[in-house]
Amino acid sequence: MIASARTIPARPLKPSYDVIVVGAGSGGAAVTRRLVEAGAEVLLIEAGPAGIGIAEIDDPAQWVPLGRGAYDWGYDYAPTPHVNGRAIGIPRGKVLGGSSAINAMMWYRGHRRDYDAWEDAGAKGWSFADCLPYFRRCEDWQDGASEWRGAGGPLRIERAAEMHPVAQALIDGAAELGIPVIDDPNGPDNEGAAPANFNIAGGRRWSAVQGYLLPILDHPRLT
């Protein structure tokens, strides 16, 4: 059974909209927020429930059972001999916030060489230097703004409040093997072992819903 701790404002459909956004996941939520702020009339369509204020979504410790649960589409990869013919699950969120509402909440950027390779292949404007301002814009990093990190953005990013002994042992083991230990995997260099960054605020999941949709949920231009 799917319960919801908050209902979405009930508004009648309008005769027309400037934009219809299909899917209220990480991308759809951000696009909707930007469009509403720009003055557009927006219809946001989501197949799943609201899921706002639901304990198993909000509690970071309960993320594992969310896969294959009521808020997951239940997709599988096609069986392949590379994994002994097994069908591996692909958790995809069927709820406001999409997969940001059911994932492990880890926050990592890709390696800068990946973005630079896109530009080298012809995707002008997609180098790491081009993307970095947008990475910073969306962040609200707990240590504040820097050359590499953003503050005041819609997505709260924090370190784990406490390092699990197993995680600390892994980092210590990496150091013994000569693997660099870095403080921030989203800083100037992300090659090495580091404590994770998380989409968590005050011990609660901070999904695209909290970051992008809740501030505009009651806006008259959003249906």
N, C-alpha and C. Protein backbone atom coordinates (compact mmCIF):
# COMPACT_ATOMS: atom_id res chain seq x y z
N MET A 1 0.85 -1.19 0.00
CA MET A 1 0.00 0.00 0.00
C MET A 1 0.88 1.24 0.00
N ILE A 2 0.53 2.21 -0.82
CA ILE A 2 1.28 3.46 -0.90
C ILE A 2 0.50 4.54 -0.16
N ALA A 3 1.15 5.13 0.82
CA ALA A 3 0.54 6.24 1.55
C ALA A 3 1.28 7.52 1.22
N SER A 4 0.65 8.64 1.42
CA SER A 4 1.31 9.92 1.19
C SER A 4 1.02 10.84 2.35
N ALA A 5 2.08 11.45 2.89
CA ALA A 5 1.93 12.34 4.03
C ALA A 5 1.50 13.74 3.60
N ARG A 6 1.53 14.01 2.31
CA ARG A 6 1.10 15.32 1.82
C ARG A 6 0.45 15.15 0.47
N THR A 7 -0.65 15.83 0.27
CA THR A 7 -1.33 15.76 -1.02
C THR A 7 -0.88 16.92 -1.89
N ILE A 8 -0.94 16.70 -3.19
CA ILE A 8 -0.61 17.74 -4.15
C ILE A 8 -1.82 18.66 -4.29
N PRO A 9 -1.62 19.97 -4.36
CA PRO A 9 -2.77 20.88 -4.52
C PRO A 9 -3.64 20.47 -5.70
N ALA A 10 -4.94 20.36 -5.45
CA ALA A 10 -5.88 19.96 -6.50
C ALA A 10 -6.27 21.18 -7.31
N ARG A 11 -5.88 21.18 -8.57
CA ARG A 11 -6.21 22.28 -9.46
C ARG A 11 -6.83 21.72 -10.73
N PRO A 12 -7.88 22.33 -11.23
CA PRO A 12 -8.45 21.86 -12.49
C PRO A 12 -7.49 22.10 -13.64
N LEU A 13 -7.56 21.23 -14.63
CA LEU A 13 -6.72 21.43 -15.81
C LEU A 13 -7.13 22.70 -16.54
N LYS A 14 -6.13 23.41 -17.02
CA LYS A 14 -6.38 24.63 -17.79
C LYS A 14 -6.55 24.27 -19.26
N PRO A 15 -7.17 25.14 -20.03
CA PRO A 15 -7.35 24.84 -21.46
C PRO A 15 -6.04 24.62 -22.20
N SER A 16 -4.98 25.28 -21.75
CA SER A 16 -3.69 25.12 -22.43
C SER A 16 -2.57 25.47 -21.47
N TYR A 17 -1.36 25.02 -21.83
CA TYR A 17 -0.16 25.31 -21.05
C TYR A 17 0.95 25.73 -21.99
N ASP A 18 1.89 26.49 -21.46
CA ASP A 18 3.07 26.84 -22.25
C ASP A 18 3.95 25.61 -22.47
N VAL A 19 4.08 24.79 -21.40
CA VAL A 19 4.95 23.62 -21.47
C VAL A 19 4.31 22.49 -20.67
N ILE A 20 4.39 21.27 -21.21
CA ILE A 20 4.01 20.06 -20.47
C ILE A 20 5.28 19.27 -20.21
N VAL A 21 5.58 19.04 -18.94
CA VAL A 21 6.76 18.26 -18.55
C VAL A 21 6.29 16.87 -18.16
N VAL A 22 6.83 15.86 -18.82
CA VAL A 22 6.44 14.47 -18.56
C VAL A 22 7.54 13.81 -17.72
N GLY A 23 7.20 13.51 -16.47
CA GLY A 23 8.15 12.89 -15.56
C GLY A 23 8.68 13.89 -14.56
N ALA A 24 8.46 13.62 -13.26
CA ALA A 24 8.89 14.53 -12.20
C ALA A 24 10.11 14.00 -11.48
N GLY A 25 11.04 13.41 -12.25
CA GLY A 25 12.29 12.95 -11.67
C GLY A 25 13.29 14.09 -11.53
N SER A 26 14.56 13.75 -11.43
CA SER A 26 15.59 14.78 -11.21
C SER A 26 15.59 15.82 -12.31
N GLY A 27 15.52 15.37 -13.57
CA GLY A 27 15.51 16.31 -14.68
C GLY A 27 14.21 17.08 -14.78
N GLY A 28 13.08 16.36 -14.69
CA GLY A 28 11.78 17.00 -14.81
C GLY A 28 11.53 18.01 -13.71
N ALA A 29 11.96 17.70 -12.49
CA ALA A 29 11.76 18.62 -11.38
C ALA A 29 12.53 19.92 -11.59
N ALA A 30 13.79 19.79 -12.03
CA ALA A 30 14.61 20.99 -12.25
C ALA A 30 14.05 21.83 -13.39
N VAL A 31 13.67 21.17 -14.49
CA VAL A 31 13.11 21.90 -15.63
C VAL A 31 11.82 22.62 -15.23
N THR A 32 10.97 21.94 -14.47
CA THR A 32 9.71 22.55 -14.04
C THR A 32 9.97 23.79 -13.20
N ARG A 33 10.89 23.69 -12.26
CA ARG A 33 11.21 24.84 -11.41
C ARG A 33 11.68 26.03 -12.24
N ARG A 34 12.59 25.78 -13.16
CA ARG A 34 13.13 26.87 -13.98
C ARG A 34 12.04 27.50 -14.85
N LEU A 35 11.17 26.68 -15.41
CA LEU A 35 10.11 27.20 -16.28
C LEU A 35 9.11 28.05 -15.50
N VAL A 36 8.70 27.56 -14.33
CA VAL A 36 7.76 28.33 -13.51
C VAL A 36 8.38 29.66 -13.10
N GLU A 37 9.64 29.62 -12.69
CA GLU A 37 10.31 30.86 -12.28
C GLU A 37 10.46 31.83 -13.45
N ALA A 38 10.50 31.29 -14.67
CA ALA A 38 10.63 32.14 -15.86
C ALA A 38 9.29 32.68 -16.34
N GLY A 39 8.20 32.29 -15.65
CA GLY A 39 6.89 32.83 -15.99
C GLY A 39 6.00 31.93 -16.83
N ALA A 40 6.42 30.68 -17.07
CA ALA A 40 5.64 29.78 -17.90
C ALA A 40 4.53 29.10 -17.10
N GLU A 41 3.43 28.80 -17.80
CA GLU A 41 2.37 27.95 -17.25
C GLU A 41 2.77 26.50 -17.53
N VAL A 42 2.90 25.68 -16.48
CA VAL A 42 3.47 24.35 -16.63
C VAL A 42 2.52 23.28 -16.11
N LEU A 43 2.34 22.23 -16.90
CA LEU A 43 1.65 21.02 -16.46
C LEU A 43 2.72 19.95 -16.26
N LEU A 44 2.84 19.44 -15.03
CA LEU A 44 3.82 18.41 -14.70
C LEU A 44 3.09 17.08 -14.52
N ILE A 45 3.47 16.08 -15.31
CA ILE A 45 2.82 14.77 -15.28
C ILE A 45 3.79 13.75 -14.69
N GLU A 46 3.34 13.02 -13.67
CA GLU A 46 4.15 11.98 -13.03
C GLU A 46 3.29 10.73 -12.84
N ALA A 47 3.83 9.57 -13.24
CA ALA A 47 3.08 8.31 -13.15
C ALA A 47 2.93 7.83 -11.71
N GLY A 48 3.88 8.16 -10.85
CA GLY A 48 3.87 7.65 -9.49
C GLY A 48 3.17 8.57 -8.51
N PRO A 49 3.13 8.17 -7.24
CA PRO A 49 2.50 8.97 -6.20
C PRO A 49 3.38 10.14 -5.76
N ALA A 50 2.84 10.97 -4.88
CA ALA A 50 3.61 12.12 -4.39
C ALA A 50 4.81 11.67 -3.56
N GLY A 51 4.59 10.78 -2.61
CA GLY A 51 5.69 10.27 -1.80
C GLY A 51 6.32 11.29 -0.88
N ILE A 52 5.66 12.41 -0.63
CA ILE A 52 6.24 13.47 0.19
C ILE A 52 5.97 13.19 1.66
N GLY A 53 7.02 13.19 2.47
CA GLY A 53 6.86 12.95 3.89
C GLY A 53 6.72 11.49 4.27
N ILE A 54 7.07 10.58 3.36
CA ILE A 54 6.98 9.15 3.63
C ILE A 54 8.26 8.69 4.33
N ALA A 55 8.12 8.02 5.46
CA ALA A 55 9.27 7.70 6.30
C ALA A 55 10.32 6.88 5.57
N GLU A 56 9.89 5.85 4.80
CA GLU A 56 10.88 4.99 4.16
C GLU A 56 11.64 5.70 3.05
N ILE A 57 11.08 6.78 2.52
CA ILE A 57 11.81 7.59 1.53
C ILE A 57 12.72 8.59 2.23
N ASP A 58 12.22 9.24 3.26
CA ASP A 58 12.98 10.29 3.93
C ASP A 58 14.15 9.77 4.75
N ASP A 59 14.04 8.56 5.30
CA ASP A 59 15.07 8.01 6.17
C ASP A 59 16.20 7.41 5.33
N PRO A 60 17.40 7.98 5.35
CA PRO A 60 18.49 7.45 4.53
C PRO A 60 18.80 5.98 4.80
N ALA A 61 18.57 5.51 6.02
CA ALA A 61 18.90 4.14 6.37
C ALA A 61 17.97 3.13 5.70
N GLN A 62 16.86 3.59 5.13
CA GLN A 62 15.88 2.67 4.54
C GLN A 62 15.94 2.63 3.02
N TRP A 63 17.05 3.07 2.42
CA TRP A 63 17.08 3.17 0.96
C TRP A 63 17.12 1.81 0.26
N VAL A 64 17.73 0.80 0.87
CA VAL A 64 17.87 -0.49 0.18
C VAL A 64 16.52 -1.12 -0.16
N PRO A 65 15.57 -1.22 0.78
CA PRO A 65 14.29 -1.85 0.43
C PRO A 65 13.45 -1.06 -0.57
N LEU A 66 13.81 0.19 -0.85
CA LEU A 66 13.03 0.96 -1.82
C LEU A 66 13.12 0.36 -3.22
N GLY A 67 14.27 -0.27 -3.53
CA GLY A 67 14.37 -1.00 -4.78
C GLY A 67 13.44 -2.21 -4.74
N ARG A 68 12.67 -2.40 -5.80
CA ARG A 68 11.67 -3.47 -5.89
C ARG A 68 10.46 -3.19 -5.00
N GLY A 69 10.38 -1.99 -4.46
CA GLY A 69 9.25 -1.64 -3.62
C GLY A 69 8.18 -0.88 -4.37
N ALA A 70 7.30 -0.25 -3.62
CA ALA A 70 6.14 0.42 -4.19
C ALA A 70 6.50 1.64 -5.03
N TYR A 71 7.71 2.18 -4.83
CA TYR A 71 8.10 3.41 -5.53
C TYR A 71 9.13 3.15 -6.63
N ASP A 72 9.27 1.90 -7.04
CA ASP A 72 10.25 1.50 -8.05
C ASP A 72 9.52 0.93 -9.26
N TRP A 73 9.96 1.30 -10.47
CA TRP A 73 9.35 0.77 -11.69
C TRP A 73 9.59 -0.73 -11.84
N GLY A 74 10.63 -1.28 -11.21
CA GLY A 74 10.87 -2.72 -11.27
C GLY A 74 11.52 -3.20 -12.56
N TYR A 75 12.34 -2.36 -13.18
CA TYR A 75 13.01 -2.75 -14.42
C TYR A 75 14.18 -3.70 -14.14
N ASP A 76 14.54 -4.49 -15.16
CA ASP A 76 15.71 -5.36 -15.12
C ASP A 76 16.56 -5.13 -16.35
N TYR A 77 17.87 -5.32 -16.19
CA TYR A 77 18.72 -5.47 -17.36
C TYR A 77 18.40 -6.81 -18.04
N ALA A 78 18.64 -6.89 -19.33
CA ALA A 78 18.47 -8.17 -20.02
C ALA A 78 19.51 -9.16 -19.50
N PRO A 79 19.13 -10.43 -19.32
CA PRO A 79 20.11 -11.43 -18.88
C PRO A 79 21.30 -11.50 -19.84
N THR A 80 22.47 -11.69 -19.27
CA THR A 80 23.68 -11.76 -20.08
C THR A 80 24.62 -12.81 -19.49
N PRO A 81 25.38 -13.48 -20.33
CA PRO A 81 26.33 -14.48 -19.82
C PRO A 81 27.42 -13.88 -18.95
N HIS A 82 27.62 -12.56 -19.05
CA HIS A 82 28.67 -11.92 -18.24
C HIS A 82 28.33 -11.92 -16.75
N VAL A 83 27.05 -12.14 -16.41
CA VAL A 83 26.65 -12.25 -15.00
C VAL A 83 25.91 -13.57 -14.79
N ASN A 84 26.40 -14.61 -15.48
CA ASN A 84 25.84 -15.96 -15.33
C ASN A 84 24.36 -16.04 -15.67
N GLY A 85 23.94 -15.26 -16.66
CA GLY A 85 22.57 -15.33 -17.13
C GLY A 85 21.55 -14.68 -16.23
N ARG A 86 22.01 -13.96 -15.22
CA ARG A 86 21.06 -13.34 -14.29
C ARG A 86 20.45 -12.07 -14.88
N ALA A 87 19.26 -11.72 -14.42
CA ALA A 87 18.62 -10.45 -14.74
C ALA A 87 18.83 -9.52 -13.55
N ILE A 88 19.67 -8.50 -13.72
CA ILE A 88 20.02 -7.59 -12.63
C ILE A 88 19.01 -6.44 -12.59
N GLY A 89 18.52 -6.14 -11.42
CA GLY A 89 17.54 -5.08 -11.27
C GLY A 89 18.11 -3.70 -11.52
N ILE A 90 17.28 -2.81 -12.05
CA ILE A 90 17.64 -1.42 -12.29
C ILE A 90 16.66 -0.55 -11.50
N PRO A 91 16.94 -0.19 -10.27
CA PRO A 91 16.00 0.64 -9.52
C PRO A 91 15.78 1.99 -10.20
N ARG A 92 14.54 2.29 -10.52
CA ARG A 92 14.15 3.56 -11.15
C ARG A 92 12.92 4.07 -10.42
N GLY A 93 12.99 5.28 -9.89
CA GLY A 93 11.93 5.79 -9.05
C GLY A 93 10.63 6.09 -9.79
N LYS A 94 9.53 5.58 -9.27
CA LYS A 94 8.19 5.87 -9.78
C LYS A 94 7.46 6.68 -8.71
N VAL A 95 7.85 7.95 -8.59
CA VAL A 95 7.40 8.80 -7.50
C VAL A 95 7.92 10.21 -7.80
N LEU A 96 7.34 11.22 -7.19
CA LEU A 96 7.91 12.55 -7.34
C LEU A 96 9.38 12.52 -6.90
N GLY A 97 10.23 13.12 -7.70
CA GLY A 97 11.67 13.05 -7.44
C GLY A 97 12.35 11.94 -8.19
N GLY A 98 11.56 11.01 -8.76
CA GLY A 98 12.14 9.92 -9.53
C GLY A 98 13.16 9.13 -8.74
N SER A 99 14.26 8.79 -9.38
CA SER A 99 15.26 7.96 -8.72
C SER A 99 15.99 8.68 -7.60
N SER A 100 15.93 10.02 -7.57
CA SER A 100 16.54 10.73 -6.45
C SER A 100 15.78 10.49 -5.15
N ALA A 101 14.57 9.92 -5.25
CA ALA A 101 13.77 9.61 -4.06
C ALA A 101 13.99 8.20 -3.55
N ILE A 102 14.72 7.36 -4.31
CA ILE A 102 14.92 5.97 -3.86
C ILE A 102 16.38 5.54 -3.93
N ASN A 103 17.27 6.39 -4.40
CA ASN A 103 18.65 5.96 -4.60
C ASN A 103 19.47 6.02 -3.31
N ALA A 104 20.77 5.77 -3.43
CA ALA A 104 21.65 5.73 -2.27
C ALA A 104 22.15 7.10 -1.85
N MET A 105 21.68 8.16 -2.54
CA MET A 105 21.91 9.56 -2.16
C MET A 105 23.35 10.03 -2.33
N MET A 106 24.21 9.23 -2.95
CA MET A 106 25.60 9.65 -3.14
C MET A 106 25.68 10.72 -4.23
N TRP A 107 26.56 11.68 -4.03
CA TRP A 107 26.68 12.83 -4.93
C TRP A 107 28.10 12.87 -5.49
N TYR A 108 28.22 12.52 -6.76
CA TYR A 108 29.52 12.54 -7.42
C TYR A 108 29.39 13.13 -8.82
N ARG A 109 30.36 13.91 -9.20
CA ARG A 109 30.48 14.35 -10.59
C ARG A 109 31.34 13.32 -11.33
N GLY A 110 31.23 13.34 -12.65
CA GLY A 110 32.12 12.51 -13.43
C GLY A 110 33.54 13.07 -13.44
N HIS A 111 34.45 12.29 -13.97
CA HIS A 111 35.83 12.76 -14.09
C HIS A 111 35.91 13.85 -15.15
N ARG A 112 36.74 14.84 -14.91
CA ARG A 112 36.83 15.97 -15.83
C ARG A 112 37.19 15.52 -17.25
N ARG A 113 37.98 14.45 -17.38
CA ARG A 113 38.37 14.01 -18.73
C ARG A 113 37.18 13.48 -19.52
N ASP A 114 36.16 12.95 -18.83
CA ASP A 114 34.97 12.48 -19.54
C ASP A 114 34.26 13.65 -20.22
N TYR A 115 34.10 14.75 -19.50
CA TYR A 115 33.43 15.92 -20.09
C TYR A 115 34.27 16.53 -21.21
N ASP A 116 35.57 16.59 -20.98
CA ASP A 116 36.45 17.14 -22.01
C ASP A 116 36.43 16.28 -23.27
N ALA A 117 36.26 14.96 -23.08
CA ALA A 117 36.17 14.06 -24.24
C ALA A 117 34.90 14.32 -25.04
N TRP A 118 33.81 14.67 -24.34
CA TRP A 118 32.59 15.03 -25.06
C TRP A 118 32.84 16.22 -25.99
N GLU A 119 33.50 17.24 -25.45
CA GLU A 119 33.75 18.41 -26.28
C GLU A 119 34.70 18.07 -27.43
N ASP A 120 35.71 17.25 -27.15
CA ASP A 120 36.63 16.84 -28.21
C ASP A 120 35.91 16.08 -29.31
N ALA A 121 34.81 15.39 -28.94
CA ALA A 121 34.04 14.63 -29.92
C ALA A 121 33.02 15.49 -30.66
N GLY A 122 32.97 16.78 -30.32
CA GLY A 122 32.08 17.69 -31.05
C GLY A 122 30.99 18.34 -30.23
N ALA A 123 30.85 17.96 -28.96
CA ALA A 123 29.81 18.54 -28.11
C ALA A 123 30.33 19.84 -27.49
N LYS A 124 30.36 20.88 -28.28
CA LYS A 124 30.88 22.15 -27.81
C LYS A 124 30.05 22.69 -26.65
N GLY A 125 30.73 23.23 -25.66
CA GLY A 125 30.05 23.75 -24.49
C GLY A 125 29.84 22.73 -23.39
N TRP A 126 30.39 21.50 -23.57
CA TRP A 126 30.21 20.44 -22.59
C TRP A 126 31.52 20.01 -21.94
N SER A 127 32.54 20.84 -22.02
CA SER A 127 33.79 20.52 -21.32
C SER A 127 33.56 20.64 -19.82
N PHE A 128 34.50 20.13 -19.04
CA PHE A 128 34.35 20.24 -17.58
C PHE A 128 34.30 21.70 -17.15
N ALA A 129 35.13 22.53 -17.76
CA ALA A 129 35.13 23.95 -17.40
C ALA A 129 33.79 24.60 -17.70
N ASP A 130 33.13 24.16 -18.78
CA ASP A 130 31.81 24.70 -19.11
C ASP A 130 30.74 24.22 -18.14
N CYS A 131 30.85 22.97 -17.69
CA CYS A 131 29.83 22.39 -16.82
C CYS A 131 29.99 22.81 -15.36
N LEU A 132 31.23 23.12 -14.94
CA LEU A 132 31.48 23.41 -13.53
C LEU A 132 30.58 24.50 -12.96
N PRO A 133 30.32 25.61 -13.64
CA PRO A 133 29.43 26.62 -13.05
C PRO A 133 28.03 26.09 -12.74
N TYR A 134 27.57 25.13 -13.54
CA TYR A 134 26.23 24.57 -13.31
C TYR A 134 26.26 23.55 -12.18
N PHE A 135 27.37 22.80 -12.05
CA PHE A 135 27.53 21.94 -10.89
C PHE A 135 27.47 22.79 -9.61
N ARG A 136 28.20 23.88 -9.61
CA ARG A 136 28.25 24.74 -8.43
C ARG A 136 26.90 25.41 -8.17
N ARG A 137 26.21 25.80 -9.24
CA ARG A 137 24.93 26.49 -9.08
C ARG A 137 23.88 25.63 -8.38
N CYS A 138 23.89 24.33 -8.64
CA CYS A 138 22.84 23.48 -8.08
C CYS A 138 23.14 23.03 -6.66
N GLU A 139 24.35 23.27 -6.16
CA GLU A 139 24.76 22.73 -4.87
C GLU A 139 24.50 23.69 -3.70
N ASP A 140 24.24 23.07 -2.56
CA ASP A 140 24.33 23.77 -1.27
C ASP A 140 25.25 22.92 -0.39
N TRP A 141 26.54 23.06 -0.62
CA TRP A 141 27.56 22.24 0.03
C TRP A 141 27.77 22.69 1.46
N GLN A 142 27.86 21.74 2.37
CA GLN A 142 27.92 22.05 3.79
C GLN A 142 29.12 22.91 4.18
N ASP A 143 30.21 22.83 3.43
CA ASP A 143 31.40 23.62 3.75
C ASP A 143 31.41 24.98 3.07
N GLY A 144 30.36 25.30 2.33
CA GLY A 144 30.28 26.60 1.69
C GLY A 144 30.92 26.63 0.31
N ALA A 145 30.81 27.77 -0.32
CA ALA A 145 31.26 27.93 -1.70
C ALA A 145 32.78 27.99 -1.78
N SER A 146 33.29 27.48 -2.90
CA SER A 146 34.71 27.56 -3.21
C SER A 146 34.84 27.56 -4.72
N GLU A 147 36.07 27.48 -5.19
CA GLU A 147 36.29 27.42 -6.63
C GLU A 147 35.61 26.21 -7.25
N TRP A 148 35.46 25.14 -6.45
CA TRP A 148 34.94 23.87 -6.97
C TRP A 148 33.53 23.55 -6.50
N ARG A 149 33.11 24.13 -5.39
CA ARG A 149 31.82 23.78 -4.79
C ARG A 149 30.91 25.00 -4.73
N GLY A 150 29.59 24.71 -4.70
CA GLY A 150 28.61 25.77 -4.64
C GLY A 150 27.89 25.81 -3.30
N ALA A 151 27.28 26.93 -2.99
CA ALA A 151 26.50 27.09 -1.77
C ALA A 151 25.24 27.89 -2.10
N GLY A 152 24.15 27.57 -1.40
CA GLY A 152 22.91 28.29 -1.62
C GLY A 152 22.06 27.75 -2.74
N GLY A 153 22.50 26.68 -3.41
CA GLY A 153 21.72 26.08 -4.48
C GLY A 153 20.61 25.20 -3.94
N PRO A 154 19.81 24.61 -4.82
CA PRO A 154 18.65 23.84 -4.37
C PRO A 154 18.96 22.47 -3.77
N LEU A 155 20.14 21.91 -4.04
CA LEU A 155 20.43 20.55 -3.61
C LEU A 155 21.44 20.55 -2.46
N ARG A 156 20.97 20.15 -1.29
CA ARG A 156 21.84 20.10 -0.12
C ARG A 156 22.79 18.91 -0.22
N ILE A 157 24.07 19.16 0.02
CA ILE A 157 25.10 18.12 -0.04
C ILE A 157 25.87 18.13 1.27
N GLU A 158 25.96 16.96 1.91
CA GLU A 158 26.68 16.85 3.17
C GLU A 158 27.56 15.61 3.19
N ARG A 159 28.57 15.64 4.05
CA ARG A 159 29.32 14.43 4.37
C ARG A 159 28.50 13.61 5.36
N ALA A 160 28.87 12.33 5.48
CA ALA A 160 28.25 11.51 6.51
C ALA A 160 28.59 12.08 7.88
N ALA A 161 27.61 12.08 8.78
CA ALA A 161 27.85 12.62 10.12
C ALA A 161 28.93 11.83 10.85
N GLU A 162 28.98 10.52 10.61
CA GLU A 162 30.00 9.67 11.22
C GLU A 162 30.53 8.70 10.17
N MET A 163 31.82 8.44 10.20
CA MET A 163 32.42 7.48 9.28
C MET A 163 32.22 6.07 9.84
N HIS A 164 31.58 5.19 9.05
CA HIS A 164 31.40 3.81 9.48
C HIS A 164 32.77 3.14 9.58
N PRO A 165 32.98 2.29 10.58
CA PRO A 165 34.29 1.63 10.71
C PRO A 165 34.73 0.88 9.46
N VAL A 166 33.79 0.26 8.75
CA VAL A 166 34.16 -0.46 7.53
C VAL A 166 34.63 0.53 6.46
N ALA A 167 33.93 1.66 6.34
CA ALA A 167 34.33 2.67 5.36
C ALA A 167 35.71 3.22 5.70
N GLN A 168 35.96 3.46 6.99
CA GLN A 168 37.27 3.97 7.39
C GLN A 168 38.36 2.94 7.10
N ALA A 169 38.05 1.66 7.33
CA ALA A 169 39.03 0.61 7.05
C ALA A 169 39.35 0.54 5.56
N LEU A 170 38.34 0.75 4.71
CA LEU A 170 38.57 0.75 3.27
C LEU A 170 39.49 1.90 2.86
N ILE A 171 39.25 3.07 3.42
CA ILE A 171 40.10 4.22 3.10
C ILE A 171 41.52 3.99 3.61
N ASP A 172 41.64 3.44 4.82
CA ASP A 172 42.97 3.15 5.36
C ASP A 172 43.68 2.11 4.50
N GLY A 173 42.93 1.11 4.03
CA GLY A 173 43.53 0.09 3.17
C GLY A 173 43.99 0.67 1.85
N ALA A 174 43.20 1.60 1.30
CA ALA A 174 43.61 2.25 0.06
C ALA A 174 44.92 3.01 0.25
N ALA A 175 45.03 3.70 1.38
CA ALA A 175 46.25 4.45 1.66
C ALA A 175 47.46 3.51 1.75
N GLU A 176 47.28 2.35 2.37
CA GLU A 176 48.38 1.38 2.48
C GLU A 176 48.82 0.88 1.11
N LEU A 177 47.90 0.85 0.16
CA LEU A 177 48.22 0.39 -1.20
C LEU A 177 48.77 1.51 -2.07
N GLY A 178 48.89 2.71 -1.52
CA GLY A 178 49.42 3.82 -2.28
C GLY A 178 48.38 4.59 -3.07
N ILE A 179 47.10 4.29 -2.84
CA ILE A 179 46.04 5.04 -3.51
C ILE A 179 45.84 6.37 -2.78
N PRO A 180 45.80 7.48 -3.50
CA PRO A 180 45.64 8.77 -2.82
C PRO A 180 44.35 8.83 -2.01
N VAL A 181 44.44 9.42 -0.84
CA VAL A 181 43.25 9.69 -0.02
C VAL A 181 42.94 11.17 -0.15
N ILE A 182 41.74 11.49 -0.61
CA ILE A 182 41.36 12.88 -0.85
C ILE A 182 40.21 13.26 0.06
N ASP A 183 40.14 14.52 0.40
CA ASP A 183 39.12 14.99 1.33
C ASP A 183 37.76 15.12 0.67
N ASP A 184 37.74 15.58 -0.58
CA ASP A 184 36.48 15.88 -1.24
C ASP A 184 36.47 15.29 -2.65
N PRO A 185 35.64 14.28 -2.91
CA PRO A 185 35.61 13.68 -4.25
C PRO A 185 35.01 14.58 -5.31
N ASN A 186 34.45 15.71 -4.92
CA ASN A 186 33.93 16.69 -5.88
C ASN A 186 34.77 17.96 -5.88
N GLY A 187 36.01 17.81 -5.46
CA GLY A 187 36.94 18.93 -5.46
C GLY A 187 37.80 18.94 -6.71
N PRO A 188 39.02 19.46 -6.62
CA PRO A 188 39.86 19.60 -7.81
C PRO A 188 40.29 18.28 -8.43
N ASP A 189 40.33 17.20 -7.64
CA ASP A 189 40.77 15.90 -8.16
C ASP A 189 39.92 14.81 -7.52
N ASN A 190 39.29 13.97 -8.34
CA ASN A 190 38.47 12.91 -7.76
C ASN A 190 39.05 11.52 -7.98
N GLU A 191 40.35 11.44 -8.22
CA GLU A 191 41.00 10.14 -8.34
C GLU A 191 41.60 9.77 -6.99
N GLY A 192 41.01 8.78 -6.34
CA GLY A 192 41.50 8.35 -5.05
C GLY A 192 40.37 7.85 -4.18
N ALA A 193 40.68 7.61 -2.92
CA ALA A 193 39.69 7.15 -1.94
C ALA A 193 39.25 8.34 -1.11
N ALA A 194 37.95 8.43 -0.88
CA ALA A 194 37.42 9.59 -0.16
C ALA A 194 36.11 9.24 0.51
N PRO A 195 35.77 9.93 1.61
CA PRO A 195 34.43 9.77 2.18
C PRO A 195 33.41 10.34 1.21
N ALA A 196 32.24 9.71 1.16
CA ALA A 196 31.23 10.09 0.18
C ALA A 196 30.56 11.41 0.52
N ASN A 197 30.04 12.06 -0.51
CA ASN A 197 29.11 13.18 -0.36
C ASN A 197 27.70 12.63 -0.53
N PHE A 198 26.74 13.21 0.19
CA PHE A 198 25.37 12.70 0.15
C PHE A 198 24.35 13.82 -0.02
N ASN A 199 23.25 13.48 -0.72
CA ASN A 199 22.08 14.36 -0.77
C ASN A 199 21.26 14.15 0.50
N ILE A 200 21.78 14.67 1.60
CA ILE A 200 21.15 14.51 2.90
C ILE A 200 21.21 15.86 3.61
N ALA A 201 20.13 16.20 4.30
CA ALA A 201 20.09 17.44 5.08
C ALA A 201 19.54 17.12 6.47
N GLY A 202 20.38 17.31 7.47
CA GLY A 202 19.93 17.07 8.84
C GLY A 202 19.45 15.66 9.09
N GLY A 203 20.10 14.70 8.44
CA GLY A 203 19.75 13.30 8.65
C GLY A 203 18.58 12.80 7.81
N ARG A 204 18.08 13.61 6.86
CA ARG A 204 16.96 13.20 6.01
C ARG A 204 17.37 13.30 4.55
N ARG A 205 16.80 12.41 3.73
CA ARG A 205 17.05 12.46 2.28
C ARG A 205 16.65 13.83 1.74
N TRP A 206 17.48 14.36 0.84
CA TRP A 206 17.18 15.62 0.17
C TRP A 206 17.14 15.33 -1.33
N SER A 207 15.95 15.02 -1.83
CA SER A 207 15.80 14.64 -3.23
C SER A 207 15.48 15.86 -4.08
N ALA A 208 15.23 15.61 -5.37
CA ALA A 208 14.82 16.69 -6.27
C ALA A 208 13.50 17.31 -5.84
N VAL A 209 12.70 16.58 -5.08
CA VAL A 209 11.44 17.14 -4.57
C VAL A 209 11.73 18.29 -3.62
N GLN A 210 12.56 18.02 -2.61
CA GLN A 210 12.90 19.07 -1.66
C GLN A 210 13.63 20.23 -2.34
N GLY A 211 14.52 19.88 -3.26
CA GLY A 211 15.33 20.91 -3.88
C GLY A 211 14.60 21.79 -4.87
N TYR A 212 13.73 21.17 -5.68
CA TYR A 212 13.14 21.91 -6.79
C TYR A 212 11.61 22.07 -6.72
N LEU A 213 10.90 21.05 -6.24
CA LEU A 213 9.44 21.10 -6.36
C LEU A 213 8.73 21.70 -5.15
N LEU A 214 9.15 21.35 -3.94
CA LEU A 214 8.43 21.87 -2.77
C LEU A 214 8.35 23.39 -2.74
N PRO A 215 9.41 24.12 -3.12
CA PRO A 215 9.30 25.58 -3.08
C PRO A 215 8.26 26.16 -4.04
N ILE A 216 7.85 25.38 -5.06
CA ILE A 216 6.89 25.91 -6.03
C ILE A 216 5.60 25.10 -6.07
N LEU A 217 5.43 24.18 -5.13
CA LEU A 217 4.30 23.26 -5.19
C LEU A 217 2.96 23.99 -5.17
N ASP A 218 2.90 25.11 -4.49
CA ASP A 218 1.65 25.88 -4.41
C ASP A 218 1.58 27.02 -5.41
N HIS A 219 2.52 27.06 -6.34
CA HIS A 219 2.54 28.17 -7.30
C HIS A 219 1.37 28.05 -8.27
N PRO A 220 0.66 29.13 -8.53
CA PRO A 220 -0.52 29.06 -9.41
C PRO A 220 -0.19 28.72 -10.86
N ARG A 221 1.06 28.87 -11.28
CA ARG A 221 1.40 28.53 -12.67
C ARG A 221 1.77 27.06 -12.83
N LEU A 222 1.73 26.29 -11.73
CA LEU A 222 2.07 24.87 -11.79
C LEU A 222 0.83 24.02 -11.53
N THR A 223 0.59 23.08 -12.42
CA THR A 223 -0.48 22.09 -12.23
C THR A 223 0.15 20.71 -12.20
